[in-house]
C-alpha atoms as a PDB file:
ATOM      1  CA  MET A   1     158.261 187.150  -3.832  1.00  0.00           C
ATOM      2  CA  ARG A   2     157.795 183.502  -4.701  1.00  0.00           C
ATOM      3  CA  ASN A   3     157.287 180.822  -2.130  1.00  0.00           C
ATOM      4  CA  PHE A   4     159.606 177.863  -2.950  1.00  0.00           C
ATOM      5  CA  GLU A   5     158.911 174.474  -1.435  1.00  0.00           C
ATOM      6  CA  GLY A   6     161.672 171.839  -1.220  1.00  0.00           C
ATOM      7  CA  GLY A   7     161.281 168.167  -2.037  1.00  0.00           C
ATOM      8  CA  PHE A   8     160.972 165.837  -4.973  1.00  0.00           C
ATOM      9  CA  THR A   9     158.378 165.887  -7.687  1.00  0.00           C
ATOM     10  CA  LEU A  10     156.272 162.861  -8.467  1.00  0.00           C
ATOM     11  CA  VAL A  11     158.167 162.266 -11.720  1.00  0.00           C
ATOM     12  CA  GLU A  12     161.524 162.213  -9.920  1.00  0.00           C
ATOM     13  CA  LEU A  13     160.224 159.701  -7.389  1.00  0.00           C
ATOM     14  CA  MET A  14     158.831 157.484 -10.160  1.00  0.00           C
ATOM     15  CA  ILE A  15     162.210 157.484 -11.924  1.00  0.00           C
ATOM     16  CA  VAL A  16     163.976 156.437  -8.716  1.00  0.00           C
ATOM     17  CA  VAL A  17     161.467 153.625  -8.132  1.00  0.00           C
ATOM     18  CA  ALA A  18     161.944 152.418 -11.726  1.00  0.00           C
ATOM     19  CA  ILE A  19     165.743 152.373 -11.326  1.00  0.00           C
ATOM     20  CA  ILE A  20     165.459 150.424  -8.072  1.00  0.00           C
ATOM     21  CA  GLY A  21     163.121 147.955  -9.799  1.00  0.00           C
ATOM     22  CA  VAL A  22     165.592 147.330 -12.621  1.00  0.00           C
ATOM     23  CA  LEU A  23     168.466 146.805 -10.179  1.00  0.00           C
ATOM     24  CA  ALA A  24     166.362 144.410  -8.087  1.00  0.00           C
ATOM     25  CA  ALA A  25     165.413 142.397 -11.173  1.00  0.00           C
ATOM     26  CA  ILE A  26     169.073 142.014 -12.137  1.00  0.00           C
ATOM     27  CA  ALA A  27     170.065 141.034  -8.589  1.00  0.00           C
ATOM     28  CA  LEU A  28     167.295 138.444  -8.292  1.00  0.00           C
ATOM     29  CA  ALA A  29     168.284 136.859 -11.590  1.00  0.00           C
ATOM     30  CA  VAL A  30     171.876 136.122 -10.496  1.00  0.00           C
ATOM     31  CA  TYR A  31     171.195 135.396  -6.805  1.00  0.00           C
ATOM     32  CA  PRO A  32     170.491 131.632  -7.209  1.00  0.00           C
ATOM     33  CA  GLU A  33     173.758 131.092  -9.090  1.00  0.00           C
ATOM     34  CA  TYR A  34     175.773 132.903  -6.424  1.00  0.00           C
ATOM     35  CA  THR A  35     174.032 130.841  -3.741  1.00  0.00           C
ATOM     36  CA  LYS A  36     175.084 127.626  -5.496  1.00  0.00           C
ATOM     37  CA  ARG A  37     178.655 128.872  -5.844  1.00  0.00           C
ATOM     38  CA  THR A  38     178.738 129.712  -2.137  1.00  0.00           C
ATOM     39  CA  ARG A  39     177.526 126.235  -1.210  1.00  0.00           C
ATOM     40  CA  MET A  40     180.067 124.737  -3.587  1.00  0.00           C
ATOM     41  CA  THR A  41     182.880 126.141  -1.428  1.00  0.00           C
ATOM     42  CA  GLU A  42     181.951 123.570   1.231  1.00  0.00           C
ATOM     43  CA  VAL A  43     182.438 120.807  -1.330  1.00  0.00           C
ATOM     44  CA  VAL A  44     185.822 122.273  -2.300  1.00  0.00           C
ATOM     45  CA  LEU A  45     186.825 122.452   1.377  1.00  0.00           C
ATOM     46  CA  ALA A  46     185.991 118.760   1.759  1.00  0.00           C
ATOM     47  CA  VAL A  47     188.330 118.000  -1.135  1.00  0.00           C
ATOM     48  CA  SER A  48     191.022 120.210   0.368  1.00  0.00           C
ATOM     49  CA  ALA A  49     190.859 118.431   3.733  1.00  0.00           C
ATOM     50  CA  CYS A  50     192.089 115.280   1.998  1.00  0.00           C
ATOM     51  CA  ARG A  51     195.173 116.910   0.498  1.00  0.00           C
ATOM     52  CA  THR A  52     197.345 116.790   3.630  1.00  0.00           C
ATOM     53  CA  PRO A  53     197.018 113.033   4.320  1.00  0.00           C
ATOM     54  CA  ILE A  54     197.723 112.196   0.678  1.00  0.00           C
ATOM     55  CA  ALA A  55     200.771 114.477   0.523  1.00  0.00           C
ATOM     56  CA  GLU A  56     202.094 112.939   3.758  1.00  0.00           C
ATOM     57  CA  VAL A  57     201.627 109.398   2.440  1.00  0.00           C
ATOM     58  CA  TYR A  58     203.447 110.217  -0.810  1.00  0.00           C
ATOM     59  CA  GLN A  59     206.431 111.526   1.149  1.00  0.00           C
ATOM     60  CA  SER A  60     206.586 108.923   3.878  1.00  0.00           C
ATOM     61  CA  ILE A  61     205.929 105.404   2.566  1.00  0.00           C
ATOM     62  CA  PRO A  62     207.495 103.470  -0.335  1.00  0.00           C
ATOM     63  CA  THR A  63     204.297 102.018  -1.851  1.00  0.00           C
ATOM     64  CA  GLY A  64     200.862 103.493  -2.447  1.00  0.00           C
ATOM     65  CA  PRO A  65     198.095 102.335  -0.113  1.00  0.00           C
ATOM     66  CA  GLY A  66     195.533 101.704  -2.880  1.00  0.00           C
ATOM     67  CA  ALA A  67     192.092 103.050  -3.661  1.00  0.00           C
ATOM     68  CA  GLY A  68     190.127 104.141  -0.614  1.00  0.00           C
ATOM     69  CA  GLN A  69     193.089 103.674   1.752  1.00  0.00           C
ATOM     70  CA  TRP A  70     194.629 107.159   1.906  1.00  0.00           C
ATOM     71  CA  GLY A  71     193.081 107.998   5.288  1.00  0.00           C
ATOM     72  CA  CYS A  72     190.559 110.691   4.410  1.00  0.00           C
ATOM     73  CA  GLU A  73     187.665 108.849   2.756  1.00  0.00           C
ATOM     74  CA  VAL A  74     184.058 109.196   3.911  1.00  0.00           C
ATOM     75  CA  SER A  75     181.479 106.734   2.576  1.00  0.00           C
ATOM     76  CA  GLY A  76     178.328 108.386   3.955  1.00  0.00           C
ATOM     77  CA  PRO A  77     177.130 111.983   3.987  1.00  0.00           C
ATOM     78  CA  ALA A  78     179.989 114.129   5.282  1.00  0.00           C
ATOM     79  CA  SER A  79     178.033 117.401   5.386  1.00  0.00           C
ATOM     80  CA  ALA A  80     174.954 119.089   3.988  1.00  0.00           C
ATOM     81  CA  TYR A  81     176.590 119.346   0.553  1.00  0.00           C
ATOM     82  CA  VAL A  82     179.018 116.392   0.506  1.00  0.00           C
ATOM     83  CA  GLN A  83     177.665 112.880  -0.107  1.00  0.00           C
ATOM     84  CA  SER A  84     180.990 111.040  -0.057  1.00  0.00           C
ATOM     85  CA  ILE A  85     184.752 111.425  -0.369  1.00  0.00           C
ATOM     86  CA  ALA A  86     186.719 108.733  -2.203  1.00  0.00           C
ATOM     87  CA  THR A  87     190.271 108.280  -3.470  1.00  0.00           C
ATOM     88  CA  ASP A  88     191.784 106.266  -6.294  1.00  0.00           C
ATOM     89  CA  PRO A  89     195.085 104.293  -6.186  1.00  0.00           C
ATOM     90  CA  ASP A  90     197.105 107.379  -7.200  1.00  0.00           C
ATOM     91  CA  GLY A  91     195.564 109.689  -4.584  1.00  0.00           C
ATOM     92  CA  LYS A  92     193.020 111.458  -6.774  1.00  0.00           C
ATOM     93  CA  ILE A  93     190.261 112.799  -4.519  1.00  0.00           C
ATOM     94  CA  ILE A  94     186.671 112.369  -5.724  1.00  0.00           C
ATOM     95  CA  VAL A  95     183.849 114.139  -3.892  1.00  0.00           C
ATOM     96  CA  THR A  96     180.170 113.594  -4.688  1.00  0.00           C
ATOM     97  CA  ALA A  97     177.981 116.676  -4.170  1.00  0.00           C
ATOM     98  CA  ARG A  98     174.525 116.495  -2.599  1.00  0.00           C
ATOM     99  CA  GLY A  99     171.859 118.783  -1.166  1.00  0.00           C
ATOM    100  CA  PHE A 100     171.683 121.100  -4.180  1.00  0.00           C
ATOM    101  CA  SER A 101     168.353 121.859  -5.825  1.00  0.00           C
ATOM    102  CA  ASP A 102     170.028 121.854  -9.248  1.00  0.00           C
ATOM    103  CA  ASP A 103     170.502 118.501 -11.010  1.00  0.00           C
ATOM    104  CA  ALA A 104     173.532 119.971 -12.783  1.00  0.00           C
ATOM    105  CA  ILE A 105     175.315 119.776  -9.393  1.00  0.00           C
ATOM    106  CA  ASN A 106     173.435 117.294  -7.230  1.00  0.00           C
ATOM    107  CA  GLY A 107     175.074 113.865  -7.378  1.00  0.00           C
ATOM    108  CA  LYS A 108     177.904 115.125  -9.592  1.00  0.00           C
ATOM    109  CA  LEU A 109     181.642 114.748  -8.952  1.00  0.00           C
ATOM    110  CA  LEU A 110     184.455 117.147  -8.082  1.00  0.00           C
ATOM    111  CA  THR A 111     188.029 115.867  -8.394  1.00  0.00           C
ATOM    112  CA  MET A 112     191.425 117.011  -7.169  1.00  0.00           C
ATOM    113  CA  VAL A 113     194.586 115.397  -8.529  1.00  0.00           C
ATOM    114  CA  PRO A 114     198.048 115.534  -6.891  1.00  0.00           C
ATOM    115  CA  LEU A 115     200.776 116.815  -9.209  1.00  0.00           C
ATOM    116  CA  ILE A 116     204.536 116.394  -9.056  1.00  0.00           C
ATOM    117  CA  ASP A 117     206.230 119.046 -11.174  1.00  0.00           C
ATOM    118  CA  GLY A 118     202.989 119.620 -13.098  1.00  0.00           C
ATOM    119  CA  ILE A 119     202.419 115.949 -13.945  1.00  0.00           C
ATOM    120  CA  PRO A 120     199.754 113.794 -12.226  1.00  0.00           C
ATOM    121  CA  ALA A 121     201.355 111.705  -9.486  1.00  0.00           C
ATOM    122  CA  VAL A 122     201.407 107.931  -9.946  1.00  0.00           C
ATOM    123  CA  SER A 123     201.682 105.872  -6.769  1.00  0.00           C
ATOM    124  CA  ALA A 124     203.608 103.085  -8.533  1.00  0.00           C
ATOM    125  CA  THR A 125     206.540 105.358  -9.436  1.00  0.00           C
ATOM    126  CA  ASP A 126     206.300 108.590  -7.424  1.00  0.00           C
ATOM    127  CA  MET A 127     206.191 107.416  -3.798  1.00  0.00           C
ATOM    128  CA  GLY A 128     208.823 109.193  -1.740  1.00  0.00           C
ATOM    129  CA  LYS A 129     208.468 112.400  -3.760  1.00  0.00           C
ATOM    130  CA  GLY A 130     206.719 115.544  -2.617  1.00  0.00           C
ATOM    131  CA  ILE A 131     203.442 116.736  -4.086  1.00  0.00           C
ATOM    132  CA  THR A 132     204.172 120.149  -5.619  1.00  0.00           C
ATOM    133  CA  SER A 133     200.636 121.250  -6.556  1.00  0.00           C
ATOM    134  CA  TRP A 134     197.073 120.098  -7.107  1.00  0.00           C
ATOM    135  CA  ARG A 135     194.707 120.303 -10.069  1.00  0.00           C
ATOM    136  CA  CYS A 136     191.090 120.873  -9.075  1.00  0.00           C
ATOM    137  CA  GLY A 137     187.894 120.667 -11.100  1.00  0.00           C
ATOM    138  CA  SER A 138     189.273 119.418 -14.405  1.00  0.00           C
ATOM    139  CA  ALA A 139     186.797 117.567 -16.618  1.00  0.00           C
ATOM    140  CA  ASP A 140     189.733 115.474 -17.863  1.00  0.00           C
ATOM    141  CA  ASP A 141     190.130 114.115 -14.317  1.00  0.00           C
ATOM    142  CA  GLY A 142     186.446 113.212 -13.965  1.00  0.00           C
ATOM    143  CA  THR A 143     184.831 116.379 -12.598  1.00  0.00           C
ATOM    144  CA  THR A 144     181.205 116.468 -13.748  1.00  0.00           C
ATOM    145  CA  ILE A 145     180.112 119.659 -11.958  1.00  0.00           C
ATOM    146  CA  PRO A 146     179.872 122.546 -14.461  1.00  0.00           C
ATOM    147  CA  ALA A 147     182.793 124.977 -14.120  1.00  0.00           C
ATOM    148  CA  GLN A 148     180.447 127.954 -13.719  1.00  0.00           C
ATOM    149  CA  TYR A 149     179.587 126.748 -10.203  1.00  0.00           C
ATOM    150  CA  LEU A 150     183.183 126.119  -9.107  1.00  0.00           C
ATOM    151  CA  PRO A 151     185.348 128.762  -7.420  1.00  0.00           C
ATOM    152  CA  GLY A 152     187.939 130.383  -9.665  1.00  0.00           C
ATOM    153  CA  SER A 153     190.747 128.488  -7.943  1.00  0.00           C
ATOM    154  CA  CYS A 154     189.100 125.163  -8.797  1.00  0.00           C
ATOM    155  CA  ARG A 155     188.337 125.361 -12.497  1.00  0.00           C
ATOM    156  CA  GLY A 156     190.766 122.861 -13.912  1.00  0.00           C
ATOM    157  CA  ASN A 157     193.945 124.430 -12.553  1.00  0.00           C
END
């Protein structure tokens, strides 16, 4: 009768350690990018906080208030990742990012533009109308942060 011992052989254990090493190498390679994308959500939230005052102004007064007068601007650091929040005469929101270790993001701009029926709102002609949607992160609107760091909902749509 043979005596059988349970357990793993050295070769099996080495294979498992090698697999874990490969998975760890892949995870460590993408971790910094996911960290930047997570921090970018705070910048997007700062932009989103400005949407309500701008939508209310468009619906309630007959003339646009002008650049920097929409009621949600912040000239100094607003948070760890937001340097400033500005608006233009038509209500476009412009946020400057800060606190990132990557120069592709740090000091760059994220924009959000109010749309009325899919067309950018113009304060000279669209006051009194309701904002129907917003376009976030479009390079055409002045966003300089690379799209790869923006959330899916804020990549030019």
